[in-house]
Amino acid sequence: MAALILGAAAALGAEPTPEPQLLWPNGAPDSNGLEGPETVEGCIGNISIPTITVYKAPAEKATGAAVVVMPGGSYRVVCVEVEGMPIVRELNERGITAVMLTYRLPNQNHLIPANDARRAIRTTRANAAEWGIDPKRVGVWGFSAGGHLASTVSTVFDAGNPASEDPVERMGSRPDFSVLFYPVISMKKEIVHKGSRQNLMGKEALIERYSNELRVTPETPPCFLLHSSDDSVVPVENSLRFYEALVANKVPATCLIFEEGGHGPDVFIMNPSWEGSLDAWLKKRGCMK
């Protein structure tokens, strides 16, 4: 797995590299207030124009499932290379199309990231025929703050606007399943990642609104969680509380808690047994052969 993490981007570079697509071709309906060029120092910062990049599953392996990938970065940057490209490779090897989302940073405009994430889900469904996927098997996979974003759109979604002139906006935004790795879930002070909360909402009193363990319902999609008990950045209680809420609402859920791994990719590098568990879970969802 470690070799995969280090070599994923290079391996993908050996194939034709898909071009990023504008998430809002006619311009987003809102602004995060950021201007100027993006910054790239391992992760991407100052993002004001969101994009998706579609990595189609190899035809001989394709299952028809797709996943919108949401890397983390404390809602301050988006760590595509570390938490995005390796997962693209993992998904493609399983026959699943990966849709990499480079979402706008909130800059304390709390609605912005979730608007982009929902748009990415809708866009994936709207292009299902062209991309060779099943619009009823579109999931999300988020990491850290990207896990908060994925859990936000997994708990607050809509069926789309059938009267919209934009065919994308006619699509529903509910994911069919979610995968959350060491996610930020709660904004409550005892377990929150303070940086993510500050970057998302600043001083606004939105703690309960974005404490996603409080927003789970029986309609929340099935979820696969992974965390380590020694995570000193995003406490494991984030995943535990979300899992408890899923169980209480009878939502199918699997939660893997490892003893070691800290916060970040080391969790899944050091504990490769997660792959078999995830494979079984995805097969149960009809996303793997």
Foldseek 3Di string as FASTA:
>chain_A
DVCLLVCLVVVCVVDDFFDWDFLDVVDDPDWLPFDDDWDDDQWIASDTTKTKGKDAAPPVFALQAEEEEFEDDLLGTGNCSRRNRSVCVVQSVQNYMYIYIRFHRNQQVQVGRLVSLLSSLLVCLLCSVVRVHDNLRYEYEYFAQRLLSRLLLLQDWAQFDCPDPDSSRNHTRHHQEYEYELYQQFLDPVFGQVSSVCRNHNPDPCRCVSNSLNRDALSRHEYEYEYECQAPRGHPVSVVSNVVSCVVRVHHYHYHYHHDQYGGPSRCVVPVVVSVVVVVVCVVVSRGD
